[in-house]
Amino acid sequence: WADPNVERNIHRIEVDADSASFSMEIQNIPTENPK
């Protein structure tokens, strides 16, 4: 998603496995290179 309302790179992960189900989110502060 391209989001004009965020200033950080946000990654959300959802995993469903036979050993565990888990979700994670990280909001990364960009460097001088916004990528």
PDB file of all heavy atoms in Angstrom:
ATOM      1  N   TRP A   1       0.846  -1.200   0.000  1.00  0.00           N
ATOM      2  CA  TRP A   1       0.000   0.000   0.000  1.00  0.00           C
ATOM      3  C   TRP A   1       0.876   1.243   0.000  1.00  0.00           C
ATOM      4  O   TRP A   1       1.861   1.317   0.750  1.00  0.00           O
ATOM      5  CB  TRP A   1      -0.899   0.026   1.233  1.00  0.00           C
ATOM      6  CG  TRP A   1      -1.973  -1.020   1.232  1.00  0.00           C
ATOM      7  CD1 TRP A   1      -1.829  -2.362   1.410  1.00  0.00           C
ATOM      8  CD2 TRP A   1      -3.381  -0.799   1.037  1.00  0.00           C
ATOM      9  NE1 TRP A   1      -3.038  -3.003   1.340  1.00  0.00           N
ATOM     10  CE2 TRP A   1      -4.015  -2.067   1.114  1.00  0.00           C
ATOM     11  CE3 TRP A   1      -4.155   0.333   0.815  1.00  0.00           C
ATOM     12  CZ2 TRP A   1      -5.387  -2.222   0.974  1.00  0.00           C
ATOM     13  CZ3 TRP A   1      -5.531   0.184   0.670  1.00  0.00           C
ATOM     14  CH2 TRP A   1      -6.136  -1.086   0.743  1.00  0.00           C
ATOM     15  N   ALA A   2       0.516   2.193  -0.842  1.00  0.00           N
ATOM     16  CA  ALA A   2       1.092   3.534  -0.768  1.00  0.00           C
ATOM     17  C   ALA A   2       0.166   4.351   0.121  1.00  0.00           C
ATOM     18  O   ALA A   2      -1.043   4.433  -0.135  1.00  0.00           O
ATOM     19  CB  ALA A   2       1.179   4.155  -2.162  1.00  0.00           C
ATOM     20  N   ASP A   3       0.708   4.928   1.170  1.00  0.00           N
ATOM     21  CA  ASP A   3      -0.139   5.601   2.165  1.00  0.00           C
ATOM     22  C   ASP A   3       0.405   7.005   2.447  1.00  0.00           C
ATOM     23  O   ASP A   3       1.467   7.160   3.059  1.00  0.00           O
ATOM     24  CB  ASP A   3      -0.158   4.778   3.455  1.00  0.00           C
ATOM     25  CG  ASP A   3      -1.238   5.230   4.423  1.00  0.00           C
ATOM     26  OD1 ASP A   3      -1.649   6.406   4.341  1.00  0.00           O
ATOM     27  OD2 ASP A   3      -1.669   4.417   5.262  1.00  0.00           O
ATOM     28  N   PRO A   4      -0.318   8.039   2.013  1.00  0.00           N
ATOM     29  CA  PRO A   4       0.146   9.412   2.242  1.00  0.00           C
ATOM     30  C   PRO A   4       0.038   9.845   3.694  1.00  0.00           C
ATOM     31  O   PRO A   4       0.526  10.920   4.054  1.00  0.00           O
ATOM     32  CB  PRO A   4      -0.782  10.237   1.342  1.00  0.00           C
ATOM     33  CG  PRO A   4      -2.049   9.449   1.287  1.00  0.00           C
ATOM     34  CD  PRO A   4      -1.614   7.996   1.301  1.00  0.00           C
ATOM     35  N   ASN A   5      -0.585   9.015   4.514  1.00  0.00           N
ATOM     36  CA  ASN A   5      -0.804   9.379   5.916  1.00  0.00           C
ATOM     37  C   ASN A   5       0.247   8.809   6.870  1.00  0.00           C
ATOM     38  O   ASN A   5       0.164   9.033   8.080  1.00  0.00           O
ATOM     39  CB  ASN A   5      -2.195   8.907   6.358  1.00  0.00           C
ATOM     40  CG  ASN A   5      -3.301   9.468   5.491  1.00  0.00           C
ATOM     41  OD1 ASN A   5      -3.316  10.663   5.194  1.00  0.00           O
ATOM     42  ND2 ASN A   5      -4.227   8.619   5.056  1.00  0.00           N
ATOM     43  N   VAL A   6       1.222   8.069   6.339  1.00  0.00           N
ATOM     44  CA  VAL A   6       2.251   7.491   7.208  1.00  0.00           C
ATOM     45  C   VAL A   6       3.611   8.078   6.863  1.00  0.00           C
ATOM     46  O   VAL A   6       3.862   8.496   5.725  1.00  0.00           O
ATOM     47  CB  VAL A   6       2.300   5.944   7.107  1.00  0.00           C
ATOM     48  CG1 VAL A   6       0.957   5.353   7.479  1.00  0.00           C
ATOM     49  CG2 VAL A   6       2.718   5.498   5.710  1.00  0.00           C
ATOM     50  N   GLU A   7       4.479   8.096   7.846  1.00  0.00           N
ATOM     51  CA  GLU A   7       5.836   8.596   7.652  1.00  0.00           C
ATOM     52  C   GLU A   7       6.875   7.493   7.833  1.00  0.00           C
ATOM     53  O   GLU A   7       8.064   7.721   7.650  1.00  0.00           O
ATOM     54  CB  GLU A   7       6.128   9.733   8.629  1.00  0.00           C
ATOM     55  CG  GLU A   7       5.241  10.963   8.409  1.00  0.00           C
ATOM     56  CD  GLU A   7       5.579  12.089   9.362  1.00  0.00           C
ATOM     57  OE1 GLU A   7       6.413  11.875  10.268  1.00  0.00           O
ATOM     58  OE2 GLU A   7       5.004  13.184   9.206  1.00  0.00           O
ATOM     59  N   ARG A   8       6.411   6.302   8.204  1.00  0.00           N
ATOM     60  CA  ARG A   8       7.311   5.184   8.430  1.00  0.00           C
ATOM     61  C   ARG A   8       6.957   4.029   7.501  1.00  0.00           C
ATOM     62  O   ARG A   8       5.833   3.941   6.997  1.00  0.00           O
ATOM     63  CB  ARG A   8       7.248   4.725   9.880  1.00  0.00           C
ATOM     64  CG  ARG A   8       7.656   5.809  10.869  1.00  0.00           C
ATOM     65  CD  ARG A   8       7.679   5.306  12.291  1.00  0.00           C
ATOM     66  NE  ARG A   8       8.126   6.330  13.223  1.00  0.00           N
ATOM     67  CZ  ARG A   8       8.383   6.123  14.513  1.00  0.00           C
ATOM     68  NH1 ARG A   8       8.206   4.903  15.024  1.00  0.00           N
ATOM     69  NH2 ARG A   8       8.807   7.105  15.285  1.00  0.00           N
ATOM     70  N   ASN A   9       7.943   3.146   7.278  1.00  0.00           N
ATOM     71  CA  ASN A   9       7.698   1.931   6.511  1.00  0.00           C
ATOM     72  C   ASN A   9       7.136   0.875   7.469  1.00  0.00           C
ATOM     73  O   ASN A   9       7.806   0.479   8.420  1.00  0.00           O
ATOM     74  CB  ASN A   9       9.009   1.427   5.902  1.00  0.00           C
ATOM     75  CG  ASN A   9       9.656   2.462   5.005  1.00  0.00           C
ATOM     76  OD1 ASN A   9       8.975   3.195   4.292  1.00  0.00           O
ATOM     77  ND2 ASN A   9      10.976   2.530   5.031  1.00  0.00           N
ATOM     78  N   ILE A  10       5.905   0.461   7.217  1.00  0.00           N
ATOM     79  CA  ILE A  10       5.199  -0.422   8.144  1.00  0.00           C
ATOM     80  C   ILE A  10       5.016  -1.800   7.507  1.00  0.00           C
ATOM     81  O   ILE A  10       4.489  -1.919   6.398  1.00  0.00           O
ATOM     82  CB  ILE A  10       3.820   0.166   8.518  1.00  0.00           C
ATOM     83  CG1 ILE A  10       3.986   1.570   9.115  1.00  0.00           C
ATOM     84  CG2 ILE A  10       3.093  -0.758   9.493  1.00  0.00           C
ATOM     85  CD1 ILE A  10       2.672   2.301   9.330  1.00  0.00           C
ATOM     86  N   HIS A  11       5.457  -2.818   8.219  1.00  0.00           N
ATOM     87  CA  HIS A  11       5.308  -4.191   7.741  1.00  0.00           C
ATOM     88  C   HIS A  11       4.544  -4.994   8.790  1.00  0.00           C
ATOM     89  O   HIS A  11       4.941  -5.025   9.959  1.00  0.00           O
ATOM     90  CB  HIS A  11       6.673  -4.843   7.513  1.00  0.00           C
ATOM     91  CG  HIS A  11       7.580  -4.058   6.621  1.00  0.00           C
ATOM     92  ND1 HIS A  11       7.317  -3.856   5.287  1.00  0.00           N
ATOM     93  CD2 HIS A  11       8.757  -3.416   6.880  1.00  0.00           C
ATOM     94  CE1 HIS A  11       8.284  -3.136   4.757  1.00  0.00           C
ATOM     95  NE2 HIS A  11       9.164  -2.850   5.712  1.00  0.00           N
ATOM     96  N   ARG A  12       3.446  -5.635   8.371  1.00  0.00           N
ATOM     97  CA  ARG A  12       2.685  -6.505   9.261  1.00  0.00           C
ATOM     98  C   ARG A  12       2.699  -7.914   8.695  1.00  0.00           C
ATOM     99  O   ARG A  12       2.436  -8.128   7.504  1.00  0.00           O
ATOM    100  CB  ARG A  12       1.247  -6.018   9.425  1.00  0.00           C
ATOM    101  CG  ARG A  12       0.447  -6.915  10.370  1.00  0.00           C
ATOM    102  CD  ARG A  12      -0.895  -6.328  10.751  1.00  0.00           C
ATOM    103  NE  ARG A  12      -1.615  -7.216  11.662  1.00  0.00           N
ATOM    104  CZ  ARG A  12      -1.405  -7.296  12.965  1.00  0.00           C
ATOM    105  NH1 ARG A  12      -0.490  -6.526  13.526  1.00  0.00           N
ATOM    106  NH2 ARG A  12      -2.081  -8.133  13.730  1.00  0.00           N
ATOM    107  N   ILE A  13       3.006  -8.868   9.563  1.00  0.00           N
ATOM    108  CA  ILE A  13       3.136 -10.267   9.149  1.00  0.00           C
ATOM    109  C   ILE A  13       2.184 -11.130   9.963  1.00  0.00           C
ATOM    110  O   ILE A  13       2.075 -10.951  11.181  1.00  0.00           O
ATOM    111  CB  ILE A  13       4.585 -10.766   9.382  1.00  0.00           C
ATOM    112  CG1 ILE A  13       5.577  -9.892   8.616  1.00  0.00           C
ATOM    113  CG2 ILE A  13       4.738 -12.220   8.975  1.00  0.00           C
ATOM    114  CD1 ILE A  13       6.979 -10.013   9.137  1.00  0.00           C
ATOM    115  N   GLU A  14       1.514 -12.058   9.303  1.00  0.00           N
ATOM    116  CA  GLU A  14       0.643 -13.020   9.978  1.00  0.00           C
ATOM    117  C   GLU A  14       1.038 -14.425   9.523  1.00  0.00           C
ATOM    118  O   GLU A  14       1.130 -14.695   8.328  1.00  0.00           O
ATOM    119  CB  GLU A  14      -0.822 -12.734   9.668  1.00  0.00           C
ATOM    120  CG  GLU A  14      -1.287 -11.381  10.187  1.00  0.00           C
ATOM    121  CD  GLU A  14      -2.757 -11.131   9.942  1.00  0.00           C
ATOM    122  OE1 GLU A  14      -3.428 -12.038   9.403  1.00  0.00           O
ATOM    123  OE2 GLU A  14      -3.232 -10.031  10.274  1.00  0.00           O
ATOM    124  N   VAL A  15       1.293 -15.285  10.497  1.00  0.00           N
ATOM    125  CA  VAL A  15       1.750 -16.654  10.223  1.00  0.00           C
ATOM    126  C   VAL A  15       0.829 -17.634  10.924  1.00  0.00           C
ATOM    127  O   VAL A  15       0.511 -17.473  12.105  1.00  0.00           O
ATOM    128  CB  VAL A  15       3.204 -16.863  10.712  1.00  0.00           C
ATOM    129  CG1 VAL A  15       3.644 -18.305  10.459  1.00  0.00           C
ATOM    130  CG2 VAL A  15       4.151 -15.876  10.036  1.00  0.00           C
ATOM    131  N   ASP A  16       0.404 -18.650  10.192  1.00  0.00           N
ATOM    132  CA  ASP A  16      -0.388 -19.744  10.773  1.00  0.00           C
ATOM    133  C   ASP A  16       0.369 -21.041  10.521  1.00  0.00           C
ATOM    134  O   ASP A  16       0.619 -21.419   9.374  1.00  0.00           O
ATOM    135  CB  ASP A  16      -1.779 -19.794  10.132  1.00  0.00           C
ATOM    136  CG  ASP A  16      -2.631 -20.922  10.714  1.00  0.00           C
ATOM    137  OD1 ASP A  16      -2.501 -21.186  11.923  1.00  0.00           O
ATOM    138  OD2 ASP A  16      -3.397 -21.534   9.949  1.00  0.00           O
ATOM    139  N   ALA A  17       0.773 -21.715  11.597  1.00  0.00           N
ATOM    140  CA  ALA A  17       1.555 -22.945  11.481  1.00  0.00           C
ATOM    141  C   ALA A  17       1.032 -23.984  12.449  1.00  0.00           C
ATOM    142  O   ALA A  17       0.214 -23.680  13.333  1.00  0.00           O
ATOM    143  CB  ALA A  17       3.032 -22.650  11.763  1.00  0.00           C
ATOM    144  N   ASP A  18       1.512 -25.219  12.306  1.00  0.00           N
ATOM    145  CA  ASP A  18       1.057 -26.276  13.208  1.00  0.00           C
ATOM    146  C   ASP A  18       1.654 -26.122  14.603  1.00  0.00           C
ATOM    147  O   ASP A  18       1.163 -26.725  15.565  1.00  0.00           O
ATOM    148  CB  ASP A  18       1.383 -27.656  12.626  1.00  0.00           C
ATOM    149  CG  ASP A  18       2.880 -27.920  12.497  1.00  0.00           C
ATOM    150  OD1 ASP A  18       3.672 -26.960  12.631  1.00  0.00           O
ATOM    151  OD2 ASP A  18       3.254 -29.080  12.239  1.00  0.00           O
ATOM    152  N   SER A  19       2.693 -25.308  14.736  1.00  0.00           N
ATOM    153  CA  SER A  19       3.330 -25.113  16.034  1.00  0.00           C
ATOM    154  C   SER A  19       2.887 -23.833  16.732  1.00  0.00           C
ATOM    155  O   SER A  19       2.958 -23.724  17.965  1.00  0.00           O
ATOM    156  CB  SER A  19       4.853 -25.063  15.861  1.00  0.00           C
ATOM    157  OG  SER A  19       5.215 -24.004  14.971  1.00  0.00           O
ATOM    158  N   ALA A  20       2.435 -22.844  15.957  1.00  0.00           N
ATOM    159  CA  ALA A  20       2.040 -21.558  16.536  1.00  0.00           C
ATOM    160  C   ALA A  20       1.349 -20.715  15.478  1.00  0.00           C
ATOM    161  O   ALA A  20       1.567 -20.900  14.276  1.00  0.00           O
ATOM    162  CB  ALA A  20       3.260 -20.804  17.075  1.00  0.00           C
ATOM    163  N   SER A  21       0.524 -19.797  15.944  1.00  0.00           N
ATOM    164  CA  SER A  21      -0.027 -18.744  15.084  1.00  0.00           C
ATOM    165  C   SER A  21       0.416 -17.425  15.688  1.00  0.00           C
ATOM    166  O   SER A  21       0.272 -17.218  16.892  1.00  0.00           O
ATOM    167  CB  SER A  21      -1.549 -18.824  15.016  1.00  0.00           C
ATOM    168  OG  SER A  21      -1.964 -20.018  14.375  1.00  0.00           O
ATOM    169  N   PHE A  22       0.961 -16.559  14.870  1.00  0.00           N
ATOM    170  CA  PHE A  22       1.445 -15.291  15.415  1.00  0.00           C
ATOM    171  C   PHE A  22       1.366 -14.181  14.374  1.00  0.00           C
ATOM    172  O   PHE A  22       1.356 -14.427  13.169  1.00  0.00           O
ATOM    173  CB  PHE A  22       2.869 -15.424  15.955  1.00  0.00           C
ATOM    174  CG  PHE A  22       3.866 -16.068  15.017  1.00  0.00           C
ATOM    175  CD1 PHE A  22       4.690 -15.310  14.207  1.00  0.00           C
ATOM    176  CD2 PHE A  22       4.007 -17.454  14.976  1.00  0.00           C
ATOM    177  CE1 PHE A  22       5.616 -15.896  13.374  1.00  0.00           C
ATOM    178  CE2 PHE A  22       4.943 -18.061  14.148  1.00  0.00           C
ATOM    179  CZ  PHE A  22       5.750 -17.275  13.333  1.00  0.00           C
ATOM    180  N   SER A  23       1.275 -12.957  14.890  1.00  0.00           N
ATOM    181  CA  SER A  23       1.270 -11.772  14.038  1.00  0.00           C
ATOM    182  C   SER A  23       2.263 -10.772  14.601  1.00  0.00           C
ATOM    183  O   SER A  23       2.502 -10.715  15.809  1.00  0.00           O
ATOM    184  CB  SER A  23      -0.127 -11.152  13.959  1.00  0.00           C
ATOM    185  OG  SER A  23      -0.582 -10.767  15.237  1.00  0.00           O
ATOM    186  N   MET A  24       2.867  -9.991  13.719  1.00  0.00           N
ATOM    187  CA  MET A  24       3.902  -9.049  14.107  1.00  0.00           C
ATOM    188  C   MET A  24       3.777  -7.797  13.253  1.00  0.00           C
ATOM    189  O   MET A  24       3.361  -7.865  12.091  1.00  0.00           O
ATOM    190  CB  MET A  24       5.289  -9.649  13.883  1.00  0.00           C
ATOM    191  CG  MET A  24       5.518 -11.006  14.538  1.00  0.00           C
ATOM    192  SD  MET A  24       7.045 -11.792  13.961  1.00  0.00           S
ATOM    193  CE  MET A  24       6.532 -12.385  12.341  1.00  0.00           C
ATOM    194  N   GLU A  25       4.142  -6.647  13.824  1.00  0.00           N
ATOM    195  CA  GLU A  25       4.161  -5.399  13.062  1.00  0.00           C
ATOM    196  C   GLU A  25       5.368  -4.580  13.470  1.00  0.00           C
ATOM    197  O   GLU A  25       5.694  -4.481  14.654  1.00  0.00           O
ATOM    198  CB  GLU A  25       2.892  -4.591  13.285  1.00  0.00           C
ATOM    199  CG  GLU A  25       2.869  -3.292  12.469  1.00  0.00           C
ATOM    200  CD  GLU A  25       1.563  -2.523  12.623  1.00  0.00           C
ATOM    201  OE1 GLU A  25       0.528  -3.015  12.131  1.00  0.00           O
ATOM    202  OE2 GLU A  25       1.593  -1.434  13.244  1.00  0.00           O
ATOM    203  N   ILE A  26       6.035  -4.022  12.485  1.00  0.00           N
ATOM    204  CA  ILE A  26       7.170  -3.143  12.746  1.00  0.00           C
ATOM    205  C   ILE A  26       6.982  -1.859  11.952  1.00  0.00           C
ATOM    206  O   ILE A  26       6.498  -1.890  10.814  1.00  0.00           O
ATOM    207  CB  ILE A  26       8.501  -3.828  12.371  1.00  0.00           C
ATOM    208  CG1 ILE A  26       9.690  -2.972  12.807  1.00  0.00           C
ATOM    209  CG2 ILE A  26       8.577  -4.166  10.895  1.00  0.00           C
ATOM    210  CD1 ILE A  26      11.031  -3.687  12.718  1.00  0.00           C
ATOM    211  N   GLN A  27       7.319  -0.737  12.571  1.00  0.00           N
ATOM    212  CA  GLN A  27       7.243   0.573  11.927  1.00  0.00           C
ATOM    213  C   GLN A  27       8.656   1.143  11.896  1.00  0.00           C
ATOM    214  O   GLN A  27       9.187   1.568  12.923  1.00  0.00           O
ATOM    215  CB  GLN A  27       6.286   1.496  12.675  1.00  0.00           C
ATOM    216  CG  GLN A  27       4.861   0.967  12.736  1.00  0.00           C
ATOM    217  CD  GLN A  27       3.878   1.965  13.320  1.00  0.00           C
ATOM    218  OE1 GLN A  27       4.173   3.161  13.426  1.00  0.00           O
ATOM    219  NE2 GLN A  27       2.706   1.489  13.699  1.00  0.00           N
ATOM    220  N   ASN A  28       9.260   1.132  10.725  1.00  0.00           N
ATOM    221  CA  ASN A  28      10.656   1.521  10.582  1.00  0.00           C
ATOM    222  C   ASN A  28      10.801   2.994  10.228  1.00  0.00           C
ATOM    223  O   ASN A  28      10.095   3.510   9.351  1.00  0.00           O
ATOM    224  CB  ASN A  28      11.330   0.679   9.494  1.00  0.00           C
ATOM    225  CG  ASN A  28      11.407  -0.780   9.876  1.00  0.00           C
ATOM    226  OD1 ASN A  28      11.610  -1.107  11.040  1.00  0.00           O
ATOM    227  ND2 ASN A  28      11.227  -1.658   8.903  1.00  0.00           N
ATOM    228  N   ILE A  29      11.736   3.649  10.888  1.00  0.00           N
ATOM    229  CA  ILE A  29      12.042   5.043  10.582  1.00  0.00           C
ATOM    230  C   ILE A  29      12.964   5.079   9.371  1.00  0.00           C
ATOM    231  O   ILE A  29      14.041   4.471   9.393  1.00  0.00           O
ATOM    232  CB  ILE A  29      12.713   5.732  11.782  1.00  0.00           C
ATOM    233  CG1 ILE A  29      11.771   5.697  12.992  1.00  0.00           C
ATOM    234  CG2 ILE A  29      13.104   7.164  11.439  1.00  0.00           C
ATOM    235  CD1 ILE A  29      12.391   6.188  14.270  1.00  0.00           C
ATOM    236  N   PRO A  30      12.575   5.765   8.292  1.00  0.00           N
ATOM    237  CA  PRO A  30      13.413   5.781   7.084  1.00  0.00           C
ATOM    238  C   PRO A  30      14.736   6.511   7.314  1.00  0.00           C
ATOM    239  O   PRO A  30      14.861   7.361   8.192  1.00  0.00           O
ATOM    240  CB  PRO A  30      12.550   6.535   6.059  1.00  0.00           C
ATOM    241  CG  PRO A  30      11.159   6.478   6.593  1.00  0.00           C
ATOM    242  CD  PRO A  30      11.300   6.470   8.086  1.00  0.00           C
ATOM    243  N   THR A  31      15.727   6.153   6.500  1.00  0.00           N
ATOM    244  CA  THR A  31      16.981   6.902   6.462  1.00  0.00           C
ATOM    245  C   THR A  31      16.793   8.084   5.517  1.00  0.00           C
ATOM    246  O   THR A  31      15.666   8.381   5.082  1.00  0.00           O
ATOM    247  CB  THR A  31      18.124   6.021   5.939  1.00  0.00           C
ATOM    248  OG1 THR A  31      17.806   5.622   4.590  1.00  0.00           O
ATOM    249  CG2 THR A  31      18.281   4.773   6.794  1.00  0.00           C
ATOM    250  N   GLU A  32      17.898   8.727   5.158  1.00  0.00           N
ATOM    251  CA  GLU A  32      17.807   9.795   4.149  1.00  0.00           C
ATOM    252  C   GLU A  32      17.336   9.237   2.811  1.00  0.00           C
ATOM    253  O   GLU A  32      16.840   9.955   1.959  1.00  0.00           O
ATOM    254  CB  GLU A  32      19.157  10.500   3.984  1.00  0.00           C
ATOM    255  CG  GLU A  32      20.286   9.640   3.474  1.00  0.00           C
ATOM    256  CD  GLU A  32      20.958   8.845   4.599  1.00  0.00           C
ATOM    257  OE1 GLU A  32      20.517   8.921   5.758  1.00  0.00           O
ATOM    258  OE2 GLU A  32      21.942   8.137   4.292  1.00  0.00           O
ATOM    259  N   ASN A  33      17.502   7.921   2.629  1.00  0.00           N
ATOM    260  CA  ASN A  33      16.928   7.236   1.477  1.00  0.00           C
ATOM    261  C   ASN A  33      15.574   6.687   1.913  1.00  0.00           C
ATOM    262  O   ASN A  33      15.508   5.749   2.712  1.00  0.00           O
ATOM    263  CB  ASN A  33      17.841   6.094   1.030  1.00  0.00           C
ATOM    264  CG  ASN A  33      17.227   5.239  -0.064  1.00  0.00           C
ATOM    265  OD1 ASN A  33      16.141   5.529  -0.564  1.00  0.00           O
ATOM    266  ND2 ASN A  33      17.910   4.173  -0.441  1.00  0.00           N
ATOM    267  N   PRO A  34      14.456   7.257   1.424  1.00  0.00           N
ATOM    268  CA  PRO A  34      13.134   6.854   1.909  1.00  0.00           C
ATOM    269  C   PRO A  34      12.763   5.413   1.610  1.00  0.00           C
ATOM    270  O   PRO A  34      11.787   4.909   2.144  1.00  0.00           O
ATOM    271  CB  PRO A  34      12.194   7.833   1.192  1.00  0.00           C
ATOM    272  CG  PRO A  34      12.927   8.232  -0.050  1.00  0.00           C
ATOM    273  CD  PRO A  34      14.380   8.273   0.345  1.00  0.00           C
ATOM    274  N   LYS A  35      13.548   4.741   0.767  1.00  0.00           N
ATOM    275  CA  LYS A  35      13.232   3.362   0.406  1.00  0.00           C
ATOM    276  C   LYS A  35      13.665   2.357   1.460  1.00  0.00           C
ATOM    277  O   LYS A  35      13.311   1.191   1.404  1.00  0.00           O
ATOM    278  CB  LYS A  35      13.857   3.012  -0.947  1.00  0.00           C
ATOM    279  CG  LYS A  35      13.259   3.767  -2.134  1.00  0.00           C
ATOM    280  CD  LYS A  35      13.916   3.362  -3.428  1.00  0.00           C
ATOM    281  CE  LYS A  35      13.221   3.996  -4.633  1.00  0.00           C
ATOM    282  NZ  LYS A  35      13.293   5.448  -4.609  1.00  0.00           N
TER     283      LYS A  35
END
